């Protein structure tokens, strides 16, 4: 009897066994932890990549195995360079969290993570970030918890530096050999894959983040901001500019408005009812320079444009606004978004998105009508020709329902969360279209103010920076690599309006204007068209890109 009791007491309970198991801290090498991390990333963190690259993984098991070895190799090489004993836990934990979040957003919105997307993230402000940081991000973070627990529970072997480097070189060679083994069985298929589906590499995480981040840092290293190189140093205004009334051109840069939902373009819903009642010139066929603000904004204000696109060249040089200012045209950038991305550096800027106007602002954001507040008084402080840029918040997603006052809720029900997966396509479209109707109202109100402004010949040009995907082909938001970006993200609305005084002073031909509006246009036209409208002469000016040149019969 006593022996039986003692036997039961000596046997550990289930809870005791669990506690003992949790108390185990295995001793492993840094290379072993790297290998475990590589396998974790390959298996658990790349669902979007596997769906795109291997739609039938079991019937294509050789191809799947080849890609698995390659993905593991890629991460092994990167981690071999980044992860060392003293930094292993912090670096791997950060990469696990980054991979979890990247995988979540790629799966939720169908985005690809390249250098432009990383640059968008780095340059975003807390307001934009909060729009995307819904409670749904807790799901991938909780799923990553076991990996984080493992990273912090293991003990890492201590070795001398000489032995550490020797072992690391052997490990790195093993990773390269793994990649070679992955390539050999599927060389022909892999070659075709990389040629026809090159963009799929932007789905391999966290390698996509690491490579893109390295590219961004190399192109724009941290530290003191570089001085922009001048362009158009020969720019001057035509002598005729001093013999007429001063001109005011308001350039409205829209945000995330797409041509497919623009009422003036024939969309099923009339999302532009107010502009339809103004004498505006609508351009139904306009292509953006990029699929994100970070790309399009600098590009559309550069003489290079998409035709001669060179990201480093564009970002390191001044913009159209600097050329205008140098020629004597006063410029002003009024912002209700996340800045001008270098376009207005060193020039007059009014940052309005943090204003506290009770009717237009809620402490976090302001509605776009804030851009019109005090506009006339601001203009009258200066004499001579002026170009004022109004940078809208527009239809910036995913919280489209927060971009307009409640009085503009024409279509219901609407999606009221940043987690678009919880909303129907109809709810998302309703919220987006309501926001577009508010953009229509803001632009139409700007036209009314310009028409009533005494002492100036006035004009307005509205163009969106890029479009938006609303669920077509499983894609949401924007920012896809340009080569594979869908038309919804690249085709944008554009309208122009001229006051009676402007039309008379330039003898604008209405029939010619209508003909020009029907043609194919791009963001590349903006630079040269604005130079033409302001009578600025420079060798940068290309007449064939000036939309209104042939319609002006008096120069």
Protein backbone atom coordinates (compact mmCIF):
# COMPACT_ATOMS: atom_id res chain seq x y z
CA UNK A 1 0.00 0.00 0.00
CA UNK A 2 2.69 2.46 1.01
CA UNK A 3 4.84 1.47 -1.98
CA UNK A 4 1.91 2.16 -4.33
CA UNK A 5 1.36 5.60 -2.85
CA UNK A 6 5.07 6.38 -3.06
CA UNK A 7 5.11 5.24 -6.68
CA UNK A 8 2.28 7.57 -7.59
CA UNK A 9 3.93 10.46 -5.76
CA UNK A 10 7.21 9.86 -7.57
CA UNK A 11 5.50 9.98 -10.98
CA UNK A 12 5.30 13.63 -12.19
CA UNK A 13 1.85 14.95 -13.01
CA UNK A 14 0.92 16.23 -16.48
CA UNK A 15 1.24 19.84 -15.29
CA UNK A 16 4.67 19.11 -13.86
CA UNK A 17 5.77 17.58 -17.15
CA UNK A 18 4.53 20.64 -19.04
CA UNK A 19 6.37 22.95 -16.65
CA UNK A 20 9.51 20.87 -17.03
CA UNK A 21 9.20 21.01 -20.80
CA UNK A 22 8.72 24.78 -20.75
CA UNK A 23 11.77 25.10 -18.57
CA UNK A 24 13.99 23.44 -21.16
CA UNK A 25 16.31 25.88 -22.93
CA UNK A 26 18.17 23.96 -25.62
CA UNK A 27 21.69 25.01 -26.50
CA UNK A 28 22.11 25.50 -30.27
CA UNK A 29 24.41 27.36 -32.63
CA UNK A 30 23.54 30.62 -34.36
CA UNK A 31 23.59 28.77 -37.68
CA UNK A 32 21.03 26.25 -36.43
CA UNK A 33 18.74 29.10 -35.36
CA UNK A 34 19.19 30.75 -38.75
CA UNK A 35 18.25 27.51 -40.49
CA UNK A 36 15.13 27.14 -38.34
CA UNK A 37 14.20 30.75 -39.17
CA UNK A 38 14.71 30.12 -42.91
CA UNK A 39 12.45 27.08 -42.81
CA UNK A 40 9.86 29.05 -40.84
CA UNK A 41 9.84 31.83 -43.41
CA UNK A 42 9.62 29.37 -46.32
CA UNK A 43 6.74 27.39 -44.81
CA UNK A 44 4.68 29.84 -42.77
CA UNK A 45 5.41 33.39 -43.98
CA UNK A 46 5.02 33.18 -47.76
CA UNK A 47 1.44 32.18 -48.47
CA UNK A 48 1.03 34.90 -51.12
CA UNK A 49 4.17 33.76 -52.93
CA UNK A 50 3.18 30.10 -52.96
CA UNK A 51 -0.29 30.91 -54.30
CA UNK A 52 1.19 32.97 -57.14
CA UNK A 53 4.11 30.66 -58.00
CA UNK A 54 2.62 27.20 -57.49
CA UNK A 55 -1.15 27.16 -58.06
CA UNK A 56 -1.05 23.31 -57.98
CA UNK A 57 1.75 22.46 -55.52
CA UNK A 58 1.10 18.73 -55.18
CA UNK A 59 0.88 17.95 -58.88
CA UNK A 60 3.97 20.14 -59.45
CA UNK A 61 5.95 18.80 -56.52
CA UNK A 62 9.34 19.00 -58.26
CA UNK A 63 8.77 22.63 -59.11
CA UNK A 64 7.48 23.34 -55.60
CA UNK A 65 10.52 21.64 -54.07
CA UNK A 66 12.87 23.67 -56.28
CA UNK A 67 11.24 26.93 -55.24
CA UNK A 68 11.26 25.85 -51.58
CA UNK A 69 15.00 25.25 -51.70
CA UNK A 70 15.58 28.55 -53.50
CA UNK A 71 13.50 30.58 -51.05
CA UNK A 72 15.29 28.91 -48.14
CA UNK A 73 18.64 29.63 -49.80
CA UNK A 74 17.83 33.31 -50.34
CA UNK A 75 16.90 33.81 -46.72
CA UNK A 76 19.86 31.76 -45.57
CA UNK A 77 22.29 33.99 -47.45
CA UNK A 78 20.73 37.19 -46.12
CA UNK A 79 20.53 35.96 -42.55
CA UNK A 80 24.12 34.69 -42.70
CA UNK A 81 25.16 38.29 -43.22
CA UNK A 82 22.78 39.89 -40.72
CA UNK A 83 22.45 37.47 -37.80
CA UNK A 84 25.28 37.04 -35.31
CA UNK A 85 25.18 35.73 -31.78
CA UNK A 86 24.85 39.08 -30.00
CA UNK A 87 22.19 40.42 -32.36
CA UNK A 88 20.44 37.17 -33.28
CA UNK A 89 17.38 37.48 -31.06
CA UNK A 90 16.63 41.10 -31.88
CA UNK A 91 17.22 40.78 -35.63
CA UNK A 92 15.26 37.53 -36.02
CA UNK A 93 12.40 38.79 -33.85
CA UNK A 94 12.16 41.93 -35.97
CA UNK A 95 12.18 39.88 -39.17
CA UNK A 96 9.48 37.54 -37.88
CA UNK A 97 7.25 40.52 -37.06
CA UNK A 98 8.02 42.18 -40.41
CA UNK A 99 7.27 38.94 -42.27
CA UNK A 100 4.00 38.52 -40.38
CA UNK A 101 2.83 42.05 -41.19
CA UNK A 102 4.07 41.95 -44.79
CA UNK A 103 2.31 38.63 -45.35
CA UNK A 104 -0.88 40.03 -43.85
CA UNK A 105 -0.97 43.11 -46.09
CA UNK A 106 0.05 41.19 -49.20
CA UNK A 107 -2.74 38.66 -48.60
CA UNK A 108 -5.35 41.26 -47.59
CA UNK A 109 -4.80 43.83 -50.32
CA UNK A 110 -2.93 41.94 -53.05
CA UNK A 111 0.07 44.29 -52.85
CA UNK A 112 3.66 43.58 -53.84
CA UNK A 113 6.55 44.85 -51.72
CA UNK A 114 9.25 46.52 -53.80
CA UNK A 115 11.49 49.54 -53.20
CA UNK A 116 8.68 51.98 -53.99
CA UNK A 117 6.37 50.30 -51.49
CA UNK A 118 9.06 50.36 -48.79
CA UNK A 119 9.68 54.03 -49.56
CA UNK A 120 5.94 54.66 -49.17
CA UNK A 121 6.03 53.04 -45.73
CA UNK A 122 9.12 54.94 -44.61
CA UNK A 123 7.73 58.29 -45.74
CA UNK A 124 4.18 57.85 -44.46
CA UNK A 125 2.96 59.82 -41.46
CA UNK A 126 1.21 58.52 -38.37
CA UNK A 127 -2.20 59.46 -39.79
CA UNK A 128 -1.76 57.27 -42.85
CA UNK A 129 -0.26 54.48 -40.75
CA UNK A 130 -3.19 54.54 -38.34
CA UNK A 131 -5.61 54.11 -41.25
CA UNK A 132 -3.98 50.74 -42.02
CA UNK A 133 -3.35 49.59 -38.46
CA UNK A 134 -6.67 48.00 -37.61
CA UNK A 135 -7.29 45.36 -34.98
CA UNK A 136 -6.94 42.71 -37.70
CA UNK A 137 -3.12 43.01 -37.57
CA UNK A 138 -3.24 41.20 -34.22
CA UNK A 139 -4.03 37.94 -36.03
CA UNK A 140 -0.67 37.59 -37.87
CA UNK A 141 1.20 38.83 -34.80
CA UNK A 142 -0.42 36.18 -32.61
CA UNK A 143 0.36 33.55 -35.24
CA UNK A 144 4.02 34.59 -35.07
CA UNK A 145 4.13 34.29 -31.26
CA UNK A 146 5.44 30.66 -31.17
CA UNK A 147 8.36 31.61 -33.42
CA UNK A 148 9.18 34.58 -31.20
CA UNK A 149 8.97 32.39 -28.10
CA UNK A 150 11.40 29.90 -29.61
CA UNK A 151 13.87 32.65 -30.53
CA UNK A 152 13.98 33.91 -26.96
CA UNK A 153 13.98 30.48 -25.25
CA UNK A 154 16.99 28.87 -26.92
CA UNK A 155 20.53 29.44 -25.71
CA UNK A 156 23.19 30.22 -28.29
CA UNK A 157 26.61 28.64 -28.21
CA UNK A 158 29.58 30.87 -27.54
CA UNK A 159 32.55 30.52 -29.88
CA UNK A 160 35.70 32.40 -30.68
CA UNK A 161 35.56 34.85 -33.57
CA UNK A 162 37.86 32.74 -35.71
CA UNK A 163 35.73 29.65 -35.25
CA UNK A 164 32.56 31.69 -35.75
CA UNK A 165 33.73 32.96 -39.13
CA UNK A 166 34.84 29.49 -40.18
CA UNK A 167 31.52 27.89 -39.28
CA UNK A 168 29.61 30.75 -40.91
CA UNK A 169 31.50 30.34 -44.18
CA UNK A 170 30.68 26.62 -44.20
CA UNK A 171 27.01 27.44 -43.48
CA UNK A 172 26.94 30.06 -46.23
CA UNK A 173 28.44 27.55 -48.68
CA UNK A 174 25.77 25.06 -47.64
CA UNK A 175 23.03 27.62 -48.35
CA UNK A 176 24.47 28.32 -51.81
CA UNK A 177 24.67 24.59 -52.48
CA UNK A 178 21.00 24.31 -51.44
CA UNK A 179 20.13 26.96 -54.01
CA UNK A 180 22.09 25.13 -56.71
CA UNK A 181 20.27 21.90 -55.89
CA UNK A 182 17.01 23.81 -56.22
CA UNK A 183 17.94 25.24 -59.61
CA UNK A 184 19.29 22.14 -61.37
CA UNK A 185 16.08 20.06 -61.63
CA UNK A 186 14.01 22.97 -62.95
CA UNK A 187 16.42 25.19 -64.87
CA UNK A 188 14.23 25.62 -67.94
CA UNK A 189 11.03 26.20 -65.98
CA UNK A 190 12.80 28.59 -63.62
CA UNK A 191 14.20 30.62 -66.52
CA UNK A 192 10.73 31.00 -68.02
CA UNK A 193 9.29 31.83 -64.60
CA UNK A 194 11.81 34.60 -63.93
CA UNK A 195 11.27 36.00 -67.42
CA UNK A 196 7.46 35.95 -67.43
CA UNK A 197 6.66 36.44 -63.73
CA UNK A 198 9.57 38.51 -62.47
CA UNK A 199 7.37 40.54 -60.14
CA UNK A 200 6.51 37.45 -58.06
CA UNK A 201 9.87 37.89 -56.36
CA UNK A 202 8.34 40.87 -54.57
CA UNK A 203 6.16 38.39 -52.67
CA UNK A 204 9.05 36.47 -51.06
CA UNK A 205 9.12 37.80 -47.52
CA UNK A 206 11.06 39.00 -45.57
CA UNK A 207 13.64 38.95 -48.39
CA UNK A 208 11.50 41.43 -50.35
CA UNK A 209 11.63 43.87 -47.44
CA UNK A 210 15.38 43.43 -46.90
CA UNK A 211 16.33 43.84 -50.56
CA UNK A 212 14.00 46.80 -51.07
CA UNK A 213 15.16 48.49 -47.88
CA UNK A 214 18.78 48.10 -48.93
CA UNK A 215 17.95 49.69 -52.29
CA UNK A 216 16.12 52.62 -50.70
CA UNK A 217 18.92 53.29 -48.21
CA UNK A 218 21.59 53.13 -50.92
CA UNK A 219 19.68 55.60 -53.10
CA UNK A 220 18.71 57.95 -50.28
CA UNK A 221 21.08 57.40 -47.35
CA UNK A 222 19.98 58.67 -43.93
CA UNK A 223 21.46 61.83 -42.55
CA UNK A 224 21.52 65.35 -43.86
CA UNK A 225 19.18 65.84 -46.80
CA UNK A 226 20.90 66.36 -50.11
CA UNK A 227 20.55 69.70 -51.88
CA UNK A 228 18.49 69.29 -55.04
CA UNK A 229 20.38 69.92 -58.27
CA UNK A 230 18.98 72.87 -60.25
CA UNK A 231 17.14 72.48 -63.56
CA UNK A 232 15.90 75.07 -66.03
CA UNK A 233 18.44 77.69 -65.01
CA UNK A 234 17.70 79.56 -68.26
CA UNK A 235 14.00 79.91 -67.41
CA UNK A 236 12.45 83.37 -67.99
CA UNK A 237 8.94 84.63 -68.58
CA UNK A 238 7.99 85.94 -71.98
CA UNK A 239 8.04 89.78 -72.21
CA UNK A 240 4.35 89.57 -73.13
CA UNK A 241 3.61 88.43 -69.56
CA UNK A 242 4.25 91.96 -68.28
CA UNK A 243 1.72 93.45 -70.72
CA UNK A 244 -1.36 91.61 -69.53
CA UNK A 245 -3.34 91.01 -66.36
CA UNK A 246 -1.68 88.69 -63.83
CA UNK A 247 -2.61 85.03 -64.11
CA UNK A 248 -3.42 82.59 -61.36
CA UNK A 249 -3.19 78.88 -62.17
CA UNK A 250 -4.48 76.53 -59.47
CA UNK A 251 -3.12 73.04 -59.93
CA UNK A 252 -5.16 70.53 -57.93
CA UNK A 253 -3.30 67.26 -57.36
CA UNK A 254 -5.90 64.61 -56.60
CA UNK A 255 -5.24 61.52 -54.52
CA UNK A 256 -6.20 57.98 -55.51
CA UNK A 257 -8.98 59.02 -57.88
CA UNK A 258 -9.35 56.53 -60.71
CA UNK A 259 -10.70 57.21 -64.18
CA UNK A 260 -12.96 54.15 -64.10
CA UNK A 261 -15.13 55.73 -61.36
CA UNK A 262 -15.12 59.30 -62.71
CA UNK A 263 -18.63 60.43 -63.61
CA UNK A 264 -17.51 62.67 -66.50
CA UNK A 265 -15.90 59.61 -68.10
CA UNK A 266 -19.22 57.80 -68.40
CA UNK A 267 -19.20 55.86 -65.12
CA UNK A 268 -22.59 54.31 -64.30
CA UNK A 269 -22.91 56.60 -61.27
CA UNK A 270 -22.68 60.36 -61.59
CA UNK A 271 -19.81 60.89 -59.15
CA UNK A 272 -19.06 64.35 -60.60
CA UNK A 273 -22.45 66.11 -60.60
CA UNK A 274 -21.07 69.57 -59.75
CA UNK A 275 -18.27 69.55 -62.31
CA UNK A 276 -20.81 68.41 -64.90
CA UNK A 277 -22.55 71.78 -64.38
CA UNK A 278 -19.35 73.78 -64.89
CA UNK A 279 -17.75 74.58 -68.21
CA UNK A 280 -14.86 72.17 -67.69
CA UNK A 281 -12.73 70.33 -70.18
CA UNK A 282 -12.62 66.62 -69.32
CA UNK A 283 -9.76 64.30 -70.34
CA UNK A 284 -11.00 60.68 -70.33
CA UNK A 285 -7.72 59.01 -71.37
CA UNK A 286 -4.93 59.96 -68.96
CA UNK A 287 -2.21 57.61 -67.69
CA UNK A 288 -0.31 58.22 -64.47
CA UNK A 289 3.45 58.11 -64.12
CA UNK A 290 3.24 55.58 -61.29
CA UNK A 291 0.85 53.64 -59.10
CA UNK A 292 1.75 55.44 -55.84
CA UNK A 293 2.18 59.02 -54.64
CA UNK A 294 5.83 58.36 -53.83
CA UNK A 295 6.51 57.66 -57.52
CA UNK A 296 3.93 59.76 -59.35
CA UNK A 297 4.29 63.07 -57.55
CA UNK A 298 8.01 63.65 -58.23
CA UNK A 299 7.62 62.18 -61.73
CA UNK A 300 4.74 64.39 -62.85
CA UNK A 301 6.66 67.54 -61.80
CA UNK A 302 9.84 66.42 -63.58
CA UNK A 303 10.82 66.99 -67.23
CA UNK A 304 11.87 63.32 -67.44
CA UNK A 305 8.41 61.89 -66.81
CA UNK A 306 7.67 58.23 -67.42
CA UNK A 307 9.12 58.34 -70.94
CA UNK A 308 12.65 58.87 -69.60
CA UNK A 309 11.99 57.69 -66.07
CA UNK A 310 15.05 57.64 -63.84
CA UNK A 311 14.11 57.53 -60.17
CA UNK A 312 17.48 58.63 -58.82
CA UNK A 313 17.71 61.47 -61.34
CA UNK A 314 14.20 62.72 -60.59
CA UNK A 315 14.66 62.65 -56.80
CA UNK A 316 18.01 64.41 -56.90
CA UNK A 317 16.87 67.36 -59.05
CA UNK A 318 14.52 70.27 -58.68
CA UNK A 319 10.97 70.26 -60.01
CA UNK A 320 8.65 72.27 -62.23
CA UNK A 321 7.87 74.56 -59.29
CA UNK A 322 11.51 75.55 -58.91
CA UNK A 323 11.66 76.42 -62.62
CA UNK A 324 8.54 78.58 -62.32
CA UNK A 325 9.87 80.35 -59.24
CA UNK A 326 13.19 81.01 -60.97
CA UNK A 327 11.36 82.56 -63.93
CA UNK A 328 9.44 84.95 -61.66
CA UNK A 329 6.17 83.02 -61.22
CA UNK A 330 5.25 82.91 -57.52
CA UNK A 331 4.54 79.35 -56.34
CA UNK A 332 2.76 77.99 -53.27
CA UNK A 333 2.15 74.40 -52.15
CA UNK A 334 -0.92 73.92 -49.93
CA UNK A 335 -0.92 70.42 -48.46
CA UNK A 336 -3.64 68.30 -46.88
CA UNK A 337 -1.75 65.06 -47.33
CA UNK A 338 1.68 63.69 -46.45
CA UNK A 339 3.94 66.28 -48.06
CA UNK A 340 5.21 67.06 -51.54
CA UNK A 341 7.87 64.27 -51.77
CA UNK A 342 10.61 66.80 -52.55
CA UNK A 343 8.68 68.66 -55.24
CA UNK A 344 8.35 71.84 -53.15
CA UNK A 345 11.59 71.68 -51.14
CA UNK A 346 12.83 75.17 -50.36
CA UNK A 347 9.66 76.85 -51.67
CA UNK A 348 6.60 78.34 -49.97
CA UNK A 349 4.49 75.65 -48.29
CA UNK A 350 1.32 75.74 -46.20
CA UNK A 351 0.71 72.51 -44.27
CA UNK A 352 -3.04 72.39 -43.60
CA UNK A 353 -3.74 68.79 -42.60
CA UNK A 354 -3.12 69.53 -38.90
CA UNK A 355 -5.41 72.58 -38.73
CA UNK A 356 -8.11 72.68 -36.05
CA UNK A 357 -11.01 74.30 -37.92
CA UNK A 358 -14.07 72.93 -36.15
CA UNK A 359 -16.18 72.37 -39.27
CA UNK A 360 -13.47 70.73 -41.36
CA UNK A 361 -11.02 69.02 -38.98
CA UNK A 362 -11.36 66.32 -36.32
CA UNK A 363 -7.93 66.49 -34.68
CA UNK A 364 -6.56 63.74 -36.88
CA UNK A 365 -7.49 64.80 -40.40
CA UNK A 366 -9.08 67.71 -42.21
CA UNK A 367 -11.51 67.43 -45.08
CA UNK A 368 -10.17 68.76 -48.38
CA UNK A 369 -12.22 71.95 -48.26
CA UNK A 370 -9.53 73.17 -45.87
CA UNK A 371 -7.41 73.71 -48.98
CA UNK A 372 -9.77 76.50 -50.05
CA UNK A 373 -9.77 78.23 -46.66
CA UNK A 374 -8.28 81.71 -47.02
CA UNK A 375 -7.14 80.98 -50.58
CA UNK A 376 -8.17 84.38 -51.95
CA UNK A 377 -6.39 86.28 -49.17
CA UNK A 378 -3.26 84.21 -49.69
CA UNK A 379 -3.27 84.93 -53.42
CA UNK A 380 -3.70 88.70 -52.94
CA UNK A 381 -0.51 88.93 -50.87
CA UNK A 382 1.49 88.65 -54.09
CA UNK A 383 1.47 90.45 -57.41
CA UNK A 384 2.16 88.99 -60.80
CA UNK A 385 1.61 85.48 -62.07
CA UNK A 386 1.10 82.71 -59.52
CA UNK A 387 0.80 78.92 -59.47
CA UNK A 388 -0.86 77.45 -56.39
CA UNK A 389 -0.83 73.68 -55.87
CA UNK A 390 -3.59 72.12 -53.77
CA UNK A 391 -2.51 68.64 -52.67
CA UNK A 392 -5.65 66.74 -51.71
CA UNK A 393 -6.26 63.90 -49.28
CA UNK A 394 -8.86 62.79 -51.81
CA UNK A 395 -9.73 59.08 -51.84
CA UNK A 396 -6.77 57.85 -49.82
CA UNK A 397 -7.66 54.37 -48.58
CA UNK A 398 -8.47 52.06 -47.09
CA UNK A 399 -10.73 54.21 -44.87
CA UNK A 400 -12.60 55.88 -47.71
CA UNK A 401 -15.57 56.59 -45.44
CA UNK A 402 -13.45 59.07 -43.45
CA UNK A 403 -12.67 61.23 -46.48
CA UNK A 404 -15.99 63.08 -46.73
CA UNK A 405 -18.57 64.74 -44.46
CA UNK A 406 -21.72 62.80 -43.66
CA UNK A 407 -23.73 65.04 -45.99
CA UNK A 408 -21.94 63.39 -48.95
CA UNK A 409 -23.02 59.87 -48.05
CA UNK A 410 -25.00 59.39 -51.26
CA UNK A 411 -24.44 55.64 -51.53
CA UNK A 412 -25.05 53.19 -48.69
CA UNK A 413 -24.16 50.94 -46.95
CA UNK A 414 -20.47 51.82 -46.78
CA UNK A 415 -17.35 50.06 -45.56
CA UNK A 416 -16.27 51.76 -42.32
CA UNK A 417 -13.16 49.74 -41.46
CA UNK A 418 -9.60 49.54 -42.74
CA UNK A 419 -9.97 45.75 -42.98
CA UNK A 420 -11.49 45.65 -46.46
CA UNK A 421 -11.79 41.86 -46.22
CA UNK A 422 -14.66 42.35 -43.79
CA UNK A 423 -16.62 44.42 -46.30
CA UNK A 424 -18.43 43.52 -49.49
CA UNK A 425 -17.34 44.91 -52.85
CA UNK A 426 -20.51 47.02 -52.87
CA UNK A 427 -19.74 48.57 -49.48
CA UNK A 428 -16.18 49.41 -50.52
CA UNK A 429 -17.37 50.92 -53.82
CA UNK A 430 -20.06 52.96 -52.07
CA UNK A 431 -17.54 54.53 -49.68
CA UNK A 432 -15.09 55.19 -52.51
CA UNK A 433 -17.73 56.80 -54.73
CA UNK A 434 -18.93 59.01 -51.88
CA UNK A 435 -15.36 60.24 -51.40
CA UNK A 436 -15.13 60.92 -55.15
CA UNK A 437 -18.32 63.01 -55.00
CA UNK A 438 -16.68 65.09 -52.28
CA UNK A 439 -13.60 65.60 -54.47
CA UNK A 440 -15.98 66.77 -57.20
CA UNK A 441 -17.48 69.27 -54.74
CA UNK A 442 -14.07 70.62 -53.66
CA UNK A 443 -12.83 71.09 -57.22
CA UNK A 444 -16.12 72.71 -58.31
CA UNK A 445 -15.96 75.05 -55.28
CA UNK A 446 -12.40 76.02 -56.24
CA UNK A 447 -13.62 76.89 -59.75
CA UNK A 448 -16.40 79.07 -58.33
CA UNK A 449 -13.91 80.97 -56.16
CA UNK A 450 -11.56 81.51 -59.10
CA UNK A 451 -14.40 82.71 -61.31
CA UNK A 452 -15.29 85.34 -58.71
CA UNK A 453 -11.69 86.51 -58.11
CA UNK A 454 -11.17 90.06 -59.37
CA UNK A 455 -7.94 91.30 -60.88
CA UNK A 456 -6.69 87.95 -62.20
CA UNK A 457 -7.17 85.76 -65.21
CA UNK A 458 -7.66 82.37 -63.57
CA UNK A 459 -7.46 78.72 -64.57
CA UNK A 460 -7.61 75.37 -62.83
CA UNK A 461 -6.11 72.03 -63.76
CA UNK A 462 -7.07 68.93 -61.77
CA UNK A 463 -5.29 65.59 -62.16
CA UNK A 464 -5.03 62.62 -59.82
CA UNK A 465 -1.63 61.19 -58.90
CA UNK A 466 -2.67 57.55 -59.40
CA UNK A 467 -5.71 55.31 -59.33
CA UNK A 468 -6.98 52.55 -57.04
CA UNK A 469 -8.00 48.91 -57.11
CA UNK A 470 -11.32 48.14 -55.42
CA UNK A 471 -11.22 44.35 -55.52
CA UNK A 472 -10.71 43.71 -59.23
CA UNK A 473 -8.68 40.49 -59.61
CA UNK A 474 -8.43 40.32 -55.83
CA UNK A 475 -6.41 43.56 -55.64
CA UNK A 476 -7.03 46.50 -53.33
CA UNK A 477 -5.47 49.94 -52.79
CA UNK A 478 -2.50 50.84 -55.05
CA UNK A 479 1.28 50.68 -55.31
CA UNK A 480 1.71 47.68 -57.61
CA UNK A 481 4.98 47.62 -59.60
CA UNK A 482 4.41 49.73 -62.71
CA UNK A 483 5.04 46.89 -65.16
CA UNK A 484 2.16 44.82 -63.76
CA UNK A 485 -0.05 47.51 -62.25
CA UNK A 486 -3.66 47.13 -63.43
CA UNK A 487 -5.35 49.88 -65.40
CA UNK A 488 -7.45 50.80 -62.35
CA UNK A 489 -4.26 51.98 -60.62
CA UNK A 490 -2.79 53.83 -63.61
CA UNK A 491 -5.70 55.49 -65.43
CA UNK A 492 -6.67 58.76 -63.74
CA UNK A 493 -9.14 61.63 -64.24
CA UNK A 494 -8.11 65.08 -65.39
CA UNK A 495 -10.13 68.26 -65.98
CA UNK A 496 -9.24 71.83 -66.95
CA UNK A 497 -11.15 75.08 -66.53
CA UNK A 498 -10.37 78.58 -67.82
CA UNK A 499 -11.99 81.85 -66.80
CA UNK A 500 -13.50 84.09 -69.45
CA UNK A 501 -10.60 86.52 -69.03
CA UNK A 502 -8.01 83.76 -69.58
CA UNK A 503 -9.87 82.52 -72.66
CA UNK A 504 -10.03 86.03 -74.13
CA UNK A 505 -6.40 86.90 -73.44
CA UNK A 506 -5.14 83.75 -75.16
CA UNK A 507 -7.92 83.41 -77.75
CA UNK A 508 -8.49 79.79 -76.79
CA UNK A 509 -10.18 77.83 -79.54
CA UNK A 510 -13.01 75.79 -77.98
CA UNK A 511 -13.19 73.26 -80.81
CA UNK A 512 -9.44 72.72 -80.58
CA UNK A 513 -9.69 72.24 -76.79
CA UNK A 514 -12.33 69.56 -77.19
CA UNK A 515 -10.24 67.78 -79.79
CA UNK A 516 -7.16 67.85 -77.55
CA UNK A 517 -9.14 66.51 -74.61
CA UNK A 518 -10.17 63.40 -76.52
CA UNK A 519 -6.59 62.31 -77.14
CA UNK A 520 -4.32 60.03 -75.13
CA UNK A 521 -2.59 61.98 -72.36
CA UNK A 522 -0.09 61.18 -69.61
CA UNK A 523 1.46 62.83 -66.57
CA UNK A 524 4.41 63.65 -68.84
CA UNK A 525 2.32 66.45 -70.38
CA UNK A 526 1.95 68.36 -67.11
CA UNK A 527 5.45 69.87 -66.92
CA UNK A 528 5.36 71.38 -70.41
CA UNK A 529 1.68 72.37 -70.33
CA UNK A 530 2.16 74.44 -67.16
CA UNK A 531 5.23 76.12 -68.66
CA UNK A 532 3.11 77.04 -71.67
CA UNK A 533 0.23 78.35 -69.57
CA UNK A 534 2.58 80.61 -67.59
CA UNK A 535 4.57 81.85 -70.62
CA UNK A 536 7.84 80.51 -69.20
CA UNK A 537 10.61 79.96 -71.73
CA UNK A 538 13.32 77.35 -71.13
CA UNK A 539 15.21 74.75 -73.14
CA UNK A 540 13.43 72.12 -71.04
CA UNK A 541 10.12 73.03 -72.67
CA UNK A 542 8.87 70.57 -75.29
CA UNK A 543 6.05 72.06 -77.39
CA UNK A 544 4.74 68.66 -78.48
CA UNK A 545 3.87 67.90 -74.83
CA UNK A 546 2.01 71.20 -74.25
CA UNK A 547 -1.65 70.17 -74.43
CA UNK A 548 -3.01 73.66 -75.13
CA UNK A 549 -0.29 75.06 -77.40
CA UNK A 550 -2.16 74.55 -80.67
CA UNK A 551 -5.33 76.00 -79.14
CA UNK A 552 -3.75 79.37 -78.23
CA UNK A 553 -3.92 81.67 -81.23
CA UNK A 554 -2.34 84.68 -79.49
CA UNK A 555 1.00 84.37 -77.71
